[in-house]
Amino acid sequence: NIVDNITHHRNFNEAIGFTRQETEAVMQPLVDICDLNQRELMLEMSKWYNGYRFNVRTKERLFNSDMVLYFVKNFDMESCQYPEQMLDTNIVSDYRKVMQLFAIGDSEKNFETLEELITNGEIIGLHSRKLDIDKDFNQDDFISLLLYMGFVTISGMVLNEVRYTIPNYVIQKLYYEYFKVEIEQRSQITMDNSRLTEAVRQLALHNNIKPLLEEINKALALFSNRDFMNMDEKHIKAVILTLLYQSDVYFIESEPEINNRYPDILLLERNPFKVNYQFLFELKYSKKKAGKKGLADKKAKGIKQIKEYLCLDNIKSLPKLQSYLLLTDGSEIEVIVVE
């Protein structure tokens, strides 16, 4: 790779990480000793550690080998439980690298890239095969750098441009942790992690949404007075997810595809933690100028959507599920229980 750049050569894609077959072989002793369901285990591993693709024509998505080996090393063989921390401390410290990357070139454009990745889940750009940070370093160069560092992956093509996405849950969590730091610095505020942890604990154990609602409304009140973020439904959702990602209790799914339906947020129980409640949140935003009628229309639409979600088999099968409509005009959120 020093003599010739083969990083994105199709024939070398599978040399960069673990294939599914290789990962299954690594996990087999855990399956045998603890009598685990291999399909369920691999599904979990895929969510956390899979998703890397370095050539648009290859079909094989790779597992991060460091993350897979961390999981095996920290798996509790006596009680047959997953590690409480699914992220290697070395990976967690990588968010500092993310911060350093976002300072290269035009930091404002880089922040826009971060916003787009978080709010849309993807970004499109030309792939730069040669990077020179000492010269004109544009957005395409920056996104390509994120690809080389493993913080985005190749999802497909749009004409001659590449579609980039966040590869897996680990990297997504790192982005939200960095996003929190960035917006705190830009708005000169501090979001108390201990209060956020307690808010999620109250939600998980007692179905008490009030502490979380207070934290969300506090954040929205501060952001509404700043001009560094657009305040539309996607950005409000990004704020809510940023707060939720500060806790490790739940596995968070944002707009998962379920029978061609896309509920906004699912908070799902994750091994080894046991919660008393799982949650479905649907967010609806109405501009202030739309007035009470606008909010009423959004409320009716949101309730209808949630009731449709609750009829889906994959949603009906979730135990201990509570459903909430989050209704907002951008300044504060009203919560409606939907059954």
Protein backbone atom coordinates (compact mmCIF):
# COMPACT_ATOMS: atom_id res chain seq x y z
CA ASN A 1 0.00 0.00 0.00
CA ILE A 2 3.06 2.28 0.29
CA VAL A 3 4.25 1.58 -3.26
CA ASP A 4 0.74 1.75 -4.71
CA ASN A 5 -2.57 2.88 -3.17
CA ILE A 6 -4.64 -0.30 -3.00
CA THR A 7 -6.89 0.77 -0.12
CA HIS A 8 -9.98 0.86 -2.31
CA HIS A 9 -9.03 -1.93 -4.70
CA ARG A 10 -11.88 -4.42 -4.98
CA ASN A 11 -9.62 -7.48 -4.62
CA PHE A 12 -8.21 -6.24 -1.30
CA ASN A 13 -11.48 -5.23 0.36
CA GLU A 14 -11.72 -8.40 2.47
CA ALA A 15 -8.15 -8.06 3.75
CA ILE A 16 -9.00 -4.96 5.79
CA GLY A 17 -11.37 -6.53 8.33
CA PHE A 18 -13.18 -9.75 9.30
CA THR A 19 -15.68 -11.24 6.87
CA ARG A 20 -18.94 -12.64 8.22
CA GLN A 21 -17.58 -16.19 7.89
CA GLU A 22 -14.41 -15.27 9.78
CA THR A 23 -16.43 -13.52 12.51
CA GLU A 24 -18.70 -16.54 12.91
CA ALA A 25 -15.60 -18.73 13.36
CA VAL A 26 -14.24 -16.39 16.05
CA MET A 27 -17.61 -16.41 17.86
CA GLN A 28 -18.17 -20.18 17.62
CA PRO A 29 -16.58 -21.05 21.02
CA LEU A 30 -19.00 -18.60 22.72
CA VAL A 31 -21.92 -20.18 20.89
CA ASP A 32 -20.83 -23.69 21.91
CA ILE A 33 -19.92 -23.02 25.54
CA CYS A 34 -22.83 -20.73 26.38
CA ASP A 35 -25.39 -22.36 24.07
CA LEU A 36 -26.07 -19.03 22.36
CA ASN A 37 -28.30 -18.54 19.35
CA GLN A 38 -25.74 -17.92 16.61
CA ARG A 39 -28.16 -16.01 14.40
CA GLU A 40 -29.13 -13.62 17.22
CA LEU A 41 -25.50 -13.20 18.28
CA MET A 42 -24.38 -12.36 14.73
CA LEU A 43 -27.27 -9.93 14.36
CA GLU A 44 -26.06 -8.08 17.47
CA MET A 45 -22.45 -8.16 16.29
CA SER A 46 -23.51 -6.78 12.91
CA LYS A 47 -25.31 -3.84 14.47
CA TRP A 48 -22.36 -2.90 16.64
CA TYR A 49 -19.29 -3.75 14.57
CA ASN A 50 -20.14 -4.51 10.93
CA GLY A 51 -20.71 -2.28 7.90
CA TYR A 52 -17.33 -1.44 6.37
CA ARG A 53 -16.98 -1.45 2.61
CA PHE A 54 -14.04 0.14 0.79
CA ASN A 55 -15.03 -0.49 -2.82
CA VAL A 56 -18.41 0.29 -4.33
CA ARG A 57 -18.52 -2.94 -6.38
CA THR A 58 -17.85 -5.36 -3.54
CA LYS A 59 -20.78 -7.00 -1.77
CA GLU A 60 -18.98 -8.10 1.41
CA ARG A 61 -19.36 -5.73 4.35
CA LEU A 62 -16.61 -6.18 6.89
CA PHE A 63 -16.51 -6.37 10.67
CA ASN A 64 -14.05 -4.21 12.57
CA SER A 65 -11.56 -6.88 13.72
CA ASP A 66 -10.39 -4.91 16.77
CA MET A 67 -13.98 -4.53 17.99
CA VAL A 68 -14.81 -8.20 17.44
CA LEU A 69 -11.72 -9.35 19.37
CA TYR A 70 -12.52 -6.86 22.15
CA PHE A 71 -16.00 -8.40 22.47
CA VAL A 72 -14.59 -11.95 22.70
CA LYS A 73 -11.94 -10.94 25.22
CA ASN A 74 -14.46 -9.19 27.49
CA PHE A 75 -17.33 -11.67 27.14
CA ASP A 76 -18.14 -13.11 30.59
CA MET A 77 -17.79 -16.87 30.06
CA GLU A 78 -18.95 -17.74 33.59
CA SER A 79 -22.30 -15.97 33.37
CA CYS A 80 -22.44 -16.00 29.56
CA GLN A 81 -23.09 -12.26 29.37
CA TYR A 82 -22.07 -9.60 26.90
CA PRO A 83 -19.56 -6.95 28.04
CA GLU A 84 -21.30 -4.05 29.80
CA GLN A 85 -19.23 -1.71 27.65
CA MET A 86 -19.51 -2.75 24.02
CA LEU A 87 -16.95 -0.13 22.99
CA ASP A 88 -13.26 -0.72 23.55
CA THR A 89 -11.76 2.13 25.61
CA ASN A 90 -9.29 2.61 22.77
CA ILE A 91 -12.21 3.12 20.39
CA VAL A 92 -13.91 5.51 22.81
CA SER A 93 -10.75 7.60 22.91
CA ASP A 94 -10.92 7.76 19.12
CA TYR A 95 -13.56 10.46 19.41
CA ARG A 96 -10.66 12.78 20.19
CA LYS A 97 -9.35 11.84 16.75
CA VAL A 98 -12.75 12.80 15.33
CA MET A 99 -12.41 16.20 17.01
CA GLN A 100 -8.95 16.63 15.50
CA LEU A 101 -10.22 15.63 12.05
CA PHE A 102 -13.03 18.19 12.19
CA ALA A 103 -10.48 20.93 12.84
CA ILE A 104 -8.67 20.24 9.54
CA GLY A 105 -9.46 22.69 6.74
CA ASP A 106 -12.72 24.65 6.98
CA SER A 107 -14.14 23.79 10.43
CA GLU A 108 -17.53 25.35 9.61
CA LYS A 109 -17.92 23.22 6.49
CA ASN A 110 -16.79 20.20 8.49
CA PHE A 111 -19.47 20.89 11.10
CA GLU A 112 -22.03 21.02 8.29
CA THR A 113 -20.78 17.60 7.20
CA LEU A 114 -21.27 16.30 10.74
CA GLU A 115 -24.78 17.75 10.85
CA GLU A 116 -25.67 16.13 7.54
CA LEU A 117 -24.33 12.73 8.61
CA ILE A 118 -26.29 12.87 11.86
CA THR A 119 -29.54 14.26 10.51
CA ASN A 120 -29.68 12.45 7.14
CA GLY A 121 -27.55 9.37 7.87
CA GLU A 122 -25.53 9.87 4.70
CA ILE A 123 -23.58 12.35 2.66
CA ILE A 124 -22.64 12.43 -1.05
CA GLY A 125 -19.35 13.61 -2.50
CA LEU A 126 -16.50 12.93 -4.89
CA HIS A 127 -13.85 10.51 -3.66
CA SER A 128 -10.38 12.04 -3.29
CA ARG A 129 -7.69 9.45 -3.86
CA LYS A 130 -4.88 11.75 -2.80
CA LEU A 131 -5.09 14.08 0.20
CA ASP A 132 -2.86 17.05 0.90
CA ILE A 133 -3.90 18.88 4.07
CA ASP A 134 -1.31 21.59 3.44
CA LYS A 135 -3.08 22.74 0.28
CA ASP A 136 -6.70 23.52 -0.55
CA PHE A 137 -8.59 20.99 1.59
CA ASN A 138 -12.22 20.92 0.46
CA GLN A 139 -15.29 19.03 1.69
CA ASP A 140 -14.70 16.08 -0.64
CA ASP A 141 -11.19 15.76 0.78
CA PHE A 142 -12.57 15.86 4.32
CA ILE A 143 -15.18 13.17 3.68
CA SER A 144 -12.55 11.01 1.98
CA LEU A 145 -10.34 11.43 5.05
CA LEU A 146 -13.21 10.20 7.23
CA LEU A 147 -13.43 7.17 4.93
CA TYR A 148 -9.71 6.41 5.25
CA MET A 149 -10.02 6.68 9.06
CA GLY A 150 -13.05 4.35 9.20
CA PHE A 151 -15.57 6.97 10.35
CA VAL A 152 -17.72 6.61 7.23
CA THR A 153 -18.05 3.81 4.71
CA ILE A 154 -19.06 3.46 1.07
CA SER A 155 -22.77 2.76 0.60
CA GLY A 156 -23.20 3.22 -3.15
CA MET A 157 -22.90 5.63 -6.05
CA VAL A 158 -24.92 8.62 -7.26
CA LEU A 159 -23.73 9.12 -10.84
CA ASN A 160 -20.01 9.82 -10.43
CA GLU A 161 -20.22 10.62 -6.72
CA VAL A 162 -19.98 8.30 -3.73
CA ARG A 163 -22.72 7.85 -1.14
CA TYR A 164 -21.12 7.65 2.32
CA THR A 165 -22.86 6.38 5.45
CA ILE A 166 -21.99 5.74 9.10
CA PRO A 167 -20.89 2.08 9.22
CA ASN A 168 -22.23 0.88 12.57
CA TYR A 169 -23.54 1.68 16.03
CA VAL A 170 -20.10 2.19 17.58
CA ILE A 171 -19.16 4.93 15.11
CA GLN A 172 -22.63 6.46 15.31
CA LYS A 173 -22.30 6.73 19.09
CA LEU A 174 -18.89 8.38 18.69
CA TYR A 175 -20.42 10.96 16.35
CA TYR A 176 -23.16 11.83 18.82
CA GLU A 177 -20.65 12.13 21.64
CA TYR A 178 -18.57 14.48 19.51
CA PHE A 179 -21.69 16.36 18.38
CA LYS A 180 -22.55 17.04 22.03
CA VAL A 181 -19.05 18.43 22.68
CA GLU A 182 -19.20 20.57 19.54
CA ILE A 183 -22.60 22.12 20.23
CA GLU A 184 -21.64 22.75 23.86
CA GLN A 185 -18.58 24.67 22.71
CA ARG A 186 -20.47 26.56 20.01
CA SER A 187 -23.36 27.55 22.26
CA GLN A 188 -21.25 27.95 25.42
CA ILE A 189 -23.50 25.64 27.43
CA THR A 190 -22.98 22.43 29.32
CA MET A 191 -25.35 19.46 29.19
CA ASP A 192 -24.91 17.59 32.46
CA ASN A 193 -24.18 13.91 31.74
CA SER A 194 -25.13 12.85 35.27
CA ARG A 195 -28.58 14.42 34.84
CA LEU A 196 -28.97 12.73 31.46
CA THR A 197 -27.96 9.36 32.93
CA GLU A 198 -30.49 9.79 35.75
CA ALA A 199 -33.18 10.83 33.25
CA VAL A 200 -32.67 7.64 31.22
CA ARG A 201 -32.61 5.57 34.42
CA GLN A 202 -35.99 7.02 35.45
CA LEU A 203 -37.32 6.21 32.01
CA ALA A 204 -35.97 2.65 31.95
CA LEU A 205 -37.05 1.65 35.46
CA HIS A 206 -40.17 3.72 36.16
CA ASN A 207 -41.50 4.91 32.78
CA ASN A 208 -40.96 8.42 34.12
CA ILE A 209 -40.35 10.62 31.09
CA LYS A 210 -40.48 13.92 32.99
CA PRO A 211 -36.69 14.21 33.77
CA LEU A 212 -35.78 13.47 30.14
CA LEU A 213 -38.40 15.95 28.93
CA GLU A 214 -36.91 18.62 31.18
CA GLU A 215 -33.44 18.03 29.70
CA ILE A 216 -34.76 18.13 26.13
CA ASN A 217 -36.73 21.34 26.71
CA LYS A 218 -33.74 22.92 28.41
CA ALA A 219 -31.55 22.11 25.40
CA LEU A 220 -34.13 23.33 22.87
CA ALA A 221 -34.55 26.62 24.75
CA LEU A 222 -30.81 27.22 24.53
CA PHE A 223 -30.48 26.16 20.89
CA SER A 224 -33.44 28.26 19.75
CA ASN A 225 -31.40 31.37 20.60
CA ARG A 226 -28.38 30.24 18.56
CA ASP A 227 -27.92 30.49 14.81
CA PHE A 228 -25.44 27.62 14.31
CA MET A 229 -28.19 25.01 13.92
CA ASN A 230 -31.34 24.94 11.85
CA MET A 231 -34.36 24.16 13.99
CA ASP A 232 -36.49 21.81 11.97
CA GLU A 233 -37.77 18.30 12.75
CA LYS A 234 -34.52 16.55 11.79
CA HIS A 235 -32.37 18.85 13.88
CA ILE A 236 -34.68 18.63 16.89
CA LYS A 237 -34.49 14.85 16.57
CA ALA A 238 -30.68 15.11 16.43
CA VAL A 239 -30.74 17.03 19.72
CA ILE A 240 -32.93 14.35 21.35
CA LEU A 241 -30.71 11.54 20.08
CA THR A 242 -27.59 13.38 21.26
CA LEU A 243 -29.02 13.42 24.78
CA LEU A 244 -30.10 9.78 24.66
CA TYR A 245 -26.73 8.55 23.34
CA GLN A 246 -25.01 9.77 26.52
CA SER A 247 -26.42 6.68 28.29
CA ASP A 248 -25.40 3.09 27.47
CA VAL A 249 -28.57 1.47 28.83
CA TYR A 250 -30.50 1.20 25.56
CA PHE A 251 -29.73 0.22 22.00
CA ILE A 252 -31.05 3.21 20.06
CA GLU A 253 -32.53 2.79 16.60
CA SER A 254 -33.29 5.88 14.52
CA GLU A 255 -35.88 5.40 11.78
CA PRO A 256 -35.42 1.63 11.44
CA GLU A 257 -37.16 0.21 8.38
CA ILE A 258 -40.04 -2.01 9.52
CA ASN A 259 -42.36 -3.16 6.75
CA ASN A 260 -41.73 0.08 4.82
CA ARG A 261 -42.54 2.11 7.93
CA TYR A 262 -40.01 4.25 9.80
CA PRO A 263 -40.71 5.04 13.46
CA ASP A 264 -38.53 7.95 14.57
CA ILE A 265 -36.81 6.45 17.63
CA LEU A 266 -36.82 3.02 19.28
CA LEU A 267 -35.15 2.48 22.66
CA LEU A 268 -34.52 -1.26 22.89
CA GLU A 269 -33.27 -3.38 25.75
CA ARG A 270 -29.71 -4.53 25.18
CA ASN A 271 -27.69 -7.34 26.70
CA PRO A 272 -26.57 -7.45 29.55
CA PHE A 273 -28.88 -4.75 30.95
CA LYS A 274 -32.45 -5.44 32.01
CA VAL A 275 -34.96 -2.61 31.79
CA ASN A 276 -38.60 -2.45 32.81
CA TYR A 277 -39.67 -0.55 29.70
CA GLN A 278 -38.80 -0.20 26.03
CA PHE A 279 -39.94 2.83 24.05
CA LEU A 280 -41.18 4.06 20.71
CA PHE A 281 -40.97 7.83 20.15
CA GLU A 282 -42.52 9.63 17.20
CA LEU A 283 -41.55 13.29 16.78
CA LYS A 284 -43.75 15.86 15.11
CA TYR A 285 -42.72 19.47 14.50
CA SER A 286 -44.95 22.35 13.52
CA LYS A 287 -43.64 25.84 12.79
CA LYS A 288 -44.81 28.48 15.24
CA LYS A 289 -46.46 30.47 12.46
CA ALA A 290 -48.78 27.49 11.81
CA GLY A 291 -50.33 28.14 15.22
CA LYS A 292 -52.63 25.83 17.18
CA LYS A 293 -54.16 24.35 14.06
CA GLY A 294 -50.74 23.31 12.78
CA LEU A 295 -49.94 21.58 16.07
CA ALA A 296 -53.35 19.90 16.15
CA ASP A 297 -52.89 18.53 12.62
CA LYS A 298 -49.42 17.22 13.46
CA LYS A 299 -50.74 15.67 16.66
CA ALA A 300 -53.48 13.79 14.82
CA LYS A 301 -51.02 12.60 12.17
CA GLY A 302 -48.51 11.46 14.80
CA ILE A 303 -51.07 9.51 16.82
CA LYS A 304 -52.32 7.82 13.65
CA GLN A 305 -48.77 6.81 12.66
CA ILE A 306 -47.97 5.37 16.08
CA LYS A 307 -51.13 3.28 16.10
CA GLU A 308 -50.14 1.93 12.69
CA TYR A 309 -46.65 1.09 13.99
CA LEU A 310 -48.17 -0.76 16.94
CA CYS A 311 -49.98 -3.08 14.51
CA LEU A 312 -46.72 -4.23 12.91
CA ASP A 313 -45.59 -7.69 14.01
CA ASN A 314 -42.02 -6.58 14.77
CA ILE A 315 -43.36 -3.83 17.04
CA LYS A 316 -46.12 -5.91 18.62
CA SER A 317 -43.56 -8.52 19.63
CA LEU A 318 -41.54 -6.04 21.70
CA PRO A 319 -42.27 -6.64 25.40
CA LYS A 320 -42.78 -3.79 27.86
CA LEU A 321 -43.19 -1.26 25.04
CA GLN A 322 -44.44 2.25 25.77
CA SER A 323 -45.28 4.69 22.96
CA TYR A 324 -45.03 8.46 23.08
CA LEU A 325 -45.74 11.23 20.61
CA LEU A 326 -43.34 14.15 21.03
CA LEU A 327 -45.04 17.29 19.72
CA THR A 328 -43.11 20.55 19.40
CA ASP A 329 -42.97 23.97 17.77
CA GLY A 330 -39.21 24.13 18.38
CA SER A 331 -39.33 25.82 21.79
CA GLU A 332 -40.58 23.02 24.01
CA ILE A 333 -42.00 19.51 23.71
CA GLU A 334 -45.41 18.20 24.69
CA VAL A 335 -45.69 14.46 25.38
CA ILE A 336 -48.75 12.40 24.45
CA VAL A 337 -49.11 8.78 25.51
CA VAL A 338 -50.38 6.59 22.65
CA GLU A 339 -51.75 3.09 23.28
